[in-house]
Amino acid sequence: MVGVLEVAGAVGLLIPLLSSLAALRLAAVMVGAAMTNQFLLEESPWLPLALLVVAAVIAWARRSSNSILVDILRR
């Protein structure tokens, strides 16, 4: 299931209108991945945390597309 979410997020990043929303969802998946690495697998959570930061930067940079998407959905 996580792999499906990650692939869907990656495809969403390629679509300019959906990139901000996809990045937010990928950031949420990375929070879960970091927690899983830390508490269940007892591995370093740095890679998921680094990917979370990248996804957050993309979401922030593309935040203007959120208002366009909301306008389209309100029609």
PDB file of N, CA and C in Angstrom:
ATOM      1  N   MET A   1       0.817  -1.193   0.000  1.00  0.00           N
ATOM      2  CA  MET A   1       0.000   0.000   0.000  1.00  0.00           C
ATOM      3  C   MET A   1       0.868   1.267   0.000  1.00  0.00           C
ATOM      4  N   VAL A   2       1.937   1.245   0.763  1.00  0.00           N
ATOM      5  CA  VAL A   2       2.819   2.412   0.832  1.00  0.00           C
ATOM      6  C   VAL A   2       3.459   2.659  -0.528  1.00  0.00           C
ATOM      7  N   GLY A   3       3.846   1.615  -1.206  1.00  0.00           N
ATOM      8  CA  GLY A   3       4.438   1.757  -2.524  1.00  0.00           C
ATOM      9  C   GLY A   3       3.473   2.391  -3.516  1.00  0.00           C
ATOM     10  N   VAL A   4       2.201   2.033  -3.430  1.00  0.00           N
ATOM     11  CA  VAL A   4       1.190   2.625  -4.301  1.00  0.00           C
ATOM     12  C   VAL A   4       1.069   4.120  -4.017  1.00  0.00           C
ATOM     13  N   LEU A   5       1.075   4.498  -2.740  1.00  0.00           N
ATOM     14  CA  LEU A   5       1.007   5.910  -2.376  1.00  0.00           C
ATOM     15  C   LEU A   5       2.229   6.680  -2.865  1.00  0.00           C
ATOM     16  N   GLU A   6       3.392   6.054  -2.776  1.00  0.00           N
ATOM     17  CA  GLU A   6       4.611   6.720  -3.231  1.00  0.00           C
ATOM     18  C   GLU A   6       4.624   6.900  -4.746  1.00  0.00           C
ATOM     19  N   VAL A   7       4.193   5.889  -5.483  1.00  0.00           N
ATOM     20  CA  VAL A   7       4.143   5.998  -6.946  1.00  0.00           C
ATOM     21  C   VAL A   7       3.095   7.028  -7.357  1.00  0.00           C
ATOM     22  N   ALA A   8       1.936   7.033  -6.704  1.00  0.00           N
ATOM     23  CA  ALA A   8       0.904   8.020  -7.016  1.00  0.00           C
ATOM     24  C   ALA A   8       1.402   9.436  -6.718  1.00  0.00           C
ATOM     25  N   GLY A   9       2.145   9.592  -5.639  1.00  0.00           N
ATOM     26  CA  GLY A   9       2.719  10.892  -5.316  1.00  0.00           C
ATOM     27  C   GLY A   9       3.752  11.324  -6.336  1.00  0.00           C
ATOM     28  N   ALA A  10       4.560  10.392  -6.799  1.00  0.00           N
ATOM     29  CA  ALA A  10       5.568  10.721  -7.812  1.00  0.00           C
ATOM     30  C   ALA A  10       4.910  11.135  -9.122  1.00  0.00           C
ATOM     31  N   VAL A  11       3.850  10.446  -9.515  1.00  0.00           N
ATOM     32  CA  VAL A  11       3.121  10.828 -10.722  1.00  0.00           C
ATOM     33  C   VAL A  11       2.470  12.192 -10.524  1.00  0.00           C
ATOM     34  N   GLY A  12       1.929  12.428  -9.335  1.00  0.00           N
ATOM     35  CA  GLY A  12       1.319  13.724  -9.032  1.00  0.00           C
ATOM     36  C   GLY A  12       2.312  14.867  -9.088  1.00  0.00           C
ATOM     37  N   LEU A  13       3.556  14.599  -8.731  1.00  0.00           N
ATOM     38  CA  LEU A  13       4.583  15.643  -8.799  1.00  0.00           C
ATOM     39  C   LEU A  13       4.870  16.052 -10.242  1.00  0.00           C
ATOM     40  N   LEU A  14       4.625  15.174 -11.178  1.00  0.00           N
ATOM     41  CA  LEU A  14       4.874  15.468 -12.589  1.00  0.00           C
ATOM     42  C   LEU A  14       3.762  16.292 -13.224  1.00  0.00           C
ATOM     43  N   ILE A  15       2.617  16.370 -12.568  1.00  0.00           N
ATOM     44  CA  ILE A  15       1.488  17.148 -13.076  1.00  0.00           C
ATOM     45  C   ILE A  15       1.496  18.481 -12.343  1.00  0.00           C
ATOM     46  N   PRO A  16       1.774  19.576 -13.043  1.00  0.00           N
ATOM     47  CA  PRO A  16       1.953  20.868 -12.365  1.00  0.00           C
ATOM     48  C   PRO A  16       0.788  21.280 -11.468  1.00  0.00           C
ATOM     49  N   LEU A  17      -0.438  21.024 -11.882  1.00  0.00           N
ATOM     50  CA  LEU A  17      -1.589  21.427 -11.080  1.00  0.00           C
ATOM     51  C   LEU A  17      -1.687  20.636  -9.781  1.00  0.00           C
ATOM     52  N   LEU A  18      -1.245  19.400  -9.783  1.00  0.00           N
ATOM     53  CA  LEU A  18      -1.360  18.537  -8.604  1.00  0.00           C
ATOM     54  C   LEU A  18      -0.083  18.458  -7.779  1.00  0.00           C
ATOM     55  N   SER A  19       0.965  19.132  -8.207  1.00  0.00           N
ATOM     56  CA  SER A  19       2.273  18.930  -7.565  1.00  0.00           C
ATOM     57  C   SER A  19       2.297  19.324  -6.096  1.00  0.00           C
ATOM     58  N   SER A  20       1.636  20.399  -5.715  1.00  0.00           N
ATOM     59  CA  SER A  20       1.649  20.823  -4.318  1.00  0.00           C
ATOM     60  C   SER A  20       0.915  19.817  -3.437  1.00  0.00           C
ATOM     61  N   LEU A  21      -0.253  19.386  -3.878  1.00  0.00           N
ATOM     62  CA  LEU A  21      -1.026  18.412  -3.117  1.00  0.00           C
ATOM     63  C   LEU A  21      -0.291  17.073  -3.034  1.00  0.00           C
ATOM     64  N   ALA A  22       0.311  16.657  -4.130  1.00  0.00           N
ATOM     65  CA  ALA A  22       1.063  15.401  -4.137  1.00  0.00           C
ATOM     66  C   ALA A  22       2.261  15.481  -3.196  1.00  0.00           C
ATOM     67  N   ALA A  23       2.923  16.629  -3.162  1.00  0.00           N
ATOM     68  CA  ALA A  23       4.069  16.789  -2.265  1.00  0.00           C
ATOM     69  C   ALA A  23       3.632  16.747  -0.808  1.00  0.00           C
ATOM     70  N   LEU A  24       2.485  17.335  -0.498  1.00  0.00           N
ATOM     71  CA  LEU A  24       1.974  17.269   0.878  1.00  0.00           C
ATOM     72  C   LEU A  24       1.666  15.827   1.278  1.00  0.00           C
ATOM     73  N   ARG A  25       1.085  15.092   0.371  1.00  0.00           N
ATOM     74  CA  ARG A  25       0.767  13.692   0.680  1.00  0.00           C
ATOM     75  C   ARG A  25       2.036  12.842   0.807  1.00  0.00           C
ATOM     76  N   LEU A  26       3.025  13.126  -0.026  1.00  0.00           N
ATOM     77  CA  LEU A  26       4.292  12.410   0.108  1.00  0.00           C
ATOM     78  C   LEU A  26       4.975  12.744   1.433  1.00  0.00           C
ATOM     79  N   ALA A  27       4.854  13.996   1.869  1.00  0.00           N
ATOM     80  CA  ALA A  27       5.420  14.378   3.158  1.00  0.00           C
ATOM     81  C   ALA A  27       4.755  13.588   4.288  1.00  0.00           C
ATOM     82  N   ALA A  28       3.449  13.409   4.192  1.00  0.00           N
ATOM     83  CA  ALA A  28       2.735  12.629   5.203  1.00  0.00           C
ATOM     84  C   ALA A  28       3.189  11.169   5.200  1.00  0.00           C
ATOM     85  N   VAL A  29       3.399  10.612   4.018  1.00  0.00           N
ATOM     86  CA  VAL A  29       3.897   9.231   3.925  1.00  0.00           C
ATOM     87  C   VAL A  29       5.296   9.137   4.544  1.00  0.00           C
ATOM     88  N   MET A  30       6.126  10.147   4.328  1.00  0.00           N
ATOM     89  CA  MET A  30       7.485  10.134   4.870  1.00  0.00           C
ATOM     90  C   MET A  30       7.506  10.256   6.392  1.00  0.00           C
ATOM     91  N   VAL A  31       6.514  10.919   6.970  1.00  0.00           N
ATOM     92  CA  VAL A  31       6.412  10.948   8.437  1.00  0.00           C
ATOM     93  C   VAL A  31       6.211   9.530   8.953  1.00  0.00           C
ATOM     94  N   GLY A  32       5.297   8.813   8.317  1.00  0.00           N
ATOM     95  CA  GLY A  32       5.075   7.415   8.706  1.00  0.00           C
ATOM     96  C   GLY A  32       6.300   6.546   8.466  1.00  0.00           C
ATOM     97  N   ALA A  33       7.006   6.787   7.372  1.00  0.00           N
ATOM     98  CA  ALA A  33       8.213   6.011   7.077  1.00  0.00           C
ATOM     99  C   ALA A  33       9.302   6.282   8.104  1.00  0.00           C
ATOM    100  N   ALA A  34       9.454   7.534   8.506  1.00  0.00           N
ATOM    101  CA  ALA A  34      10.465   7.867   9.515  1.00  0.00           C
ATOM    102  C   ALA A  34      10.128   7.213  10.853  1.00  0.00           C
ATOM    103  N   MET A  35       8.858   7.238  11.215  1.00  0.00           N
ATOM    104  CA  MET A  35       8.456   6.604  12.481  1.00  0.00           C
ATOM    105  C   MET A  35       8.646   5.091  12.418  1.00  0.00           C
ATOM    106  N   THR A  36       8.331   4.488  11.280  1.00  0.00           N
ATOM    107  CA  THR A  36       8.520   3.045  11.116  1.00  0.00           C
ATOM    108  C   THR A  36      10.001   2.686  11.215  1.00  0.00           C
ATOM    109  N   ASN A  37      10.849   3.461  10.554  1.00  0.00           N
ATOM    110  CA  ASN A  37      12.288   3.195  10.627  1.00  0.00           C
ATOM    111  C   ASN A  37      12.801   3.318  12.056  1.00  0.00           C
ATOM    112  N   GLN A  38      12.354   4.329  12.763  1.00  0.00           N
ATOM    113  CA  GLN A  38      12.868   4.576  14.105  1.00  0.00           C
ATOM    114  C   GLN A  38      12.387   3.537  15.111  1.00  0.00           C
ATOM    115  N   PHE A  39      11.076   3.268  15.113  1.00  0.00           N
ATOM    116  CA  PHE A  39      10.509   2.474  16.205  1.00  0.00           C
ATOM    117  C   PHE A  39      10.331   0.997  15.890  1.00  0.00           C
ATOM    118  N   LEU A  40      10.045   0.646  14.660  1.00  0.00           N
ATOM    119  CA  LEU A  40       9.823  -0.764  14.334  1.00  0.00           C
ATOM    120  C   LEU A  40      11.062  -1.443  13.768  1.00  0.00           C
ATOM    121  N   LEU A  41      11.742  -0.769  12.875  1.00  0.00           N
ATOM    122  CA  LEU A  41      12.912  -1.365  12.240  1.00  0.00           C
ATOM    123  C   LEU A  41      14.205  -1.058  12.980  1.00  0.00           C
ATOM    124  N   GLU A  42      14.146  -0.073  13.879  1.00  0.00           N
ATOM    125  CA  GLU A  42      15.305   0.368  14.658  1.00  0.00           C
ATOM    126  C   GLU A  42      16.471   0.747  13.748  1.00  0.00           C
ATOM    127  N   GLU A  43      16.140   1.466  12.674  1.00  0.00           N
ATOM    128  CA  GLU A  43      17.135   1.993  11.741  1.00  0.00           C
ATOM    129  C   GLU A  43      17.104   3.513  11.791  1.00  0.00           C
ATOM    130  N   SER A  44      18.036   4.117  11.115  1.00  0.00           N
ATOM    131  CA  SER A  44      18.110   5.570  11.088  1.00  0.00           C
ATOM    132  C   SER A  44      16.951   6.157  10.276  1.00  0.00           C
ATOM    133  N   PRO A  45      16.265   7.161  10.803  1.00  0.00           N
ATOM    134  CA  PRO A  45      15.154   7.773  10.071  1.00  0.00           C
ATOM    135  C   PRO A  45      15.583   8.930   9.172  1.00  0.00           C
ATOM    136  N   TRP A  46      16.893   9.112   8.936  1.00  0.00           N
ATOM    137  CA  TRP A  46      17.363  10.299   8.228  1.00  0.00           C
ATOM    138  C   TRP A  46      16.952  10.358   6.772  1.00  0.00           C
ATOM    139  N   LEU A  47      16.933   9.241   6.072  1.00  0.00           N
ATOM    140  CA  LEU A  47      16.525   9.272   4.662  1.00  0.00           C
ATOM    141  C   LEU A  47      15.064   9.684   4.515  1.00  0.00           C
ATOM    142  N   PRO A  48      14.123   9.070   5.238  1.00  0.00           N
ATOM    143  CA  PRO A  48      12.740   9.546   5.118  1.00  0.00           C
ATOM    144  C   PRO A  48      12.579  11.006   5.558  1.00  0.00           C
ATOM    145  N   LEU A  49      13.331  11.429   6.552  1.00  0.00           N
ATOM    146  CA  LEU A  49      13.244  12.822   6.991  1.00  0.00           C
ATOM    147  C   LEU A  49      13.788  13.769   5.926  1.00  0.00           C
ATOM    148  N   ALA A  50      14.844  13.362   5.244  1.00  0.00           N
ATOM    149  CA  ALA A  50      15.383  14.188   4.163  1.00  0.00           C
ATOM    150  C   ALA A  50      14.382  14.281   3.013  1.00  0.00           C
ATOM    151  N   LEU A  51      13.738  13.180   2.688  1.00  0.00           N
ATOM    152  CA  LEU A  51      12.723  13.196   1.636  1.00  0.00           C
ATOM    153  C   LEU A  51      11.502  14.006   2.061  1.00  0.00           C
ATOM    154  N   LEU A  52      11.195  13.991   3.339  1.00  0.00           N
ATOM    155  CA  LEU A  52      10.106  14.813   3.858  1.00  0.00           C
ATOM    156  C   LEU A  52      10.414  16.294   3.654  1.00  0.00           C
ATOM    157  N   VAL A  53      11.652  16.689   3.919  1.00  0.00           N
ATOM    158  CA  VAL A  53      12.046  18.088   3.725  1.00  0.00           C
ATOM    159  C   VAL A  53      11.943  18.470   2.249  1.00  0.00           C
ATOM    160  N   VAL A  54      12.385  17.586   1.373  1.00  0.00           N
ATOM    161  CA  VAL A  54      12.303  17.858  -0.068  1.00  0.00           C
ATOM    162  C   VAL A  54      10.837  18.017  -0.485  1.00  0.00           C
ATOM    163  N   ALA A  55       9.978  17.125  -0.013  1.00  0.00           N
ATOM    164  CA  ALA A  55       8.555  17.207  -0.353  1.00  0.00           C
ATOM    165  C   ALA A  55       7.936  18.487   0.204  1.00  0.00           C
ATOM    166  N   ALA A  56       8.333  18.880   1.408  1.00  0.00           N
ATOM    167  CA  ALA A  56       7.800  20.110   1.995  1.00  0.00           C
ATOM    168  C   ALA A  56       8.241  21.339   1.212  1.00  0.00           C
ATOM    169  N   VAL A  57       9.470  21.349   0.738  1.00  0.00           N
ATOM    170  CA  VAL A  57       9.957  22.475  -0.067  1.00  0.00           C
ATOM    171  C   VAL A  57       9.189  22.552  -1.385  1.00  0.00           C
ATOM    172  N   ILE A  58       8.939  21.413  -2.006  1.00  0.00           N
ATOM    173  CA  ILE A  58       8.168  21.395  -3.251  1.00  0.00           C
ATOM    174  C   ILE A  58       6.750  21.898  -2.997  1.00  0.00           C
ATOM    175  N   ALA A  59       6.132  21.429  -1.909  1.00  0.00           N
ATOM    176  CA  ALA A  59       4.769  21.874  -1.586  1.00  0.00           C
ATOM    177  C   ALA A  59       4.736  23.377  -1.345  1.00  0.00           C
ATOM    178  N   TRP A  60       5.734  23.905  -0.672  1.00  0.00           N
ATOM    179  CA  TRP A  60       5.769  25.346  -0.397  1.00  0.00           C
ATOM    180  C   TRP A  60       6.005  26.141  -1.681  1.00  0.00           C
ATOM    181  N   ALA A  61       6.887  25.647  -2.522  1.00  0.00           N
ATOM    182  CA  ALA A  61       7.200  26.356  -3.759  1.00  0.00           C
ATOM    183  C   ALA A  61       6.020  26.355  -4.729  1.00  0.00           C
ATOM    184  N   ARG A  62       5.216  25.326  -4.708  1.00  0.00           N
ATOM    185  CA  ARG A  62       4.084  25.212  -5.628  1.00  0.00           C
ATOM    186  C   ARG A  62       2.750  25.537  -4.961  1.00  0.00           C
ATOM    187  N   ARG A  63       2.777  26.242  -3.842  1.00  0.00           N
ATOM    188  CA  ARG A  63       1.562  26.509  -3.078  1.00  0.00           C
ATOM    189  C   ARG A  63       0.527  27.314  -3.860  1.00  0.00           C
ATOM    190  N   SER A  64       0.939  28.067  -4.847  1.00  0.00           N
ATOM    191  CA  SER A  64      -0.021  28.845  -5.644  1.00  0.00           C
ATOM    192  C   SER A  64      -0.944  27.940  -6.455  1.00  0.00           C
ATOM    193  N   SER A  65      -0.489  26.737  -6.771  1.00  0.00           N
ATOM    194  CA  SER A  65      -1.345  25.820  -7.536  1.00  0.00           C
ATOM    195  C   SER A  65      -2.507  25.309  -6.699  1.00  0.00           C
ATOM    196  N   ASN A  66      -2.404  25.398  -5.368  1.00  0.00           N
ATOM    197  CA  ASN A  66      -3.515  24.976  -4.515  1.00  0.00           C
ATOM    198  C   ASN A  66      -4.738  25.847  -4.735  1.00  0.00           C
ATOM    199  N   SER A  67      -4.547  27.159  -4.836  1.00  0.00           N
ATOM    200  CA  SER A  67      -5.695  28.041  -5.036  1.00  0.00           C
ATOM    201  C   SER A  67      -6.329  27.805  -6.404  1.00  0.00           C
ATOM    202  N   ILE A  68      -5.516  27.522  -7.415  1.00  0.00           N
ATOM    203  CA  ILE A  68      -6.056  27.224  -8.737  1.00  0.00           C
ATOM    204  C   ILE A  68      -6.866  25.932  -8.691  1.00  0.00           C
ATOM    205  N   LEU A  69      -6.342  24.934  -7.992  1.00  0.00           N
ATOM    206  CA  LEU A  69      -7.036  23.647  -7.879  1.00  0.00           C
ATOM    207  C   LEU A  69      -8.350  23.813  -7.126  1.00  0.00           C
ATOM    208  N   VAL A  70      -8.365  24.612  -6.069  1.00  0.00           N
ATOM    209  CA  VAL A  70      -9.597  24.856  -5.312  1.00  0.00           C
ATOM    210  C   VAL A  70     -10.616  25.565  -6.190  1.00  0.00           C
ATOM    211  N   ASP A  71     -10.197  26.530  -6.981  1.00  0.00           N
ATOM    212  CA  ASP A  71     -11.116  27.225  -7.897  1.00  0.00           C
ATOM    213  C   ASP A  71     -11.715  26.273  -8.901  1.00  0.00           C
ATOM    214  N   ILE A  72     -10.914  25.358  -9.420  1.00  0.00           N
ATOM    215  CA  ILE A  72     -11.421  24.378 -10.387  1.00  0.00           C
ATOM    216  C   ILE A  72     -12.431  23.446  -9.728  1.00  0.00           C
ATOM    217  N   LEU A  73     -12.146  23.021  -8.515  1.00  0.00           N
ATOM    218  CA  LEU A  73     -13.047  22.089  -7.819  1.00  0.00           C
ATOM    219  C   LEU A  73     -14.350  22.748  -7.381  1.00  0.00           C
ATOM    220  N   ARG A  74     -14.341  24.051  -7.162  1.00  0.00           N
ATOM    221  CA  ARG A  74     -15.563  24.756  -6.753  1.00  0.00           C
ATOM    222  C   ARG A  74     -16.547  24.935  -7.895  1.00  0.00           C
ATOM    223  N   ARG A  75     -16.099  24.834  -9.120  1.00  0.00           N
ATOM    224  CA  ARG A  75     -16.994  25.030 -10.268  1.00  0.00           C
ATOM    225  C   ARG A  75     -18.015  23.960 -10.381  1.00  0.00           C
TER     226      ARG A  75
END
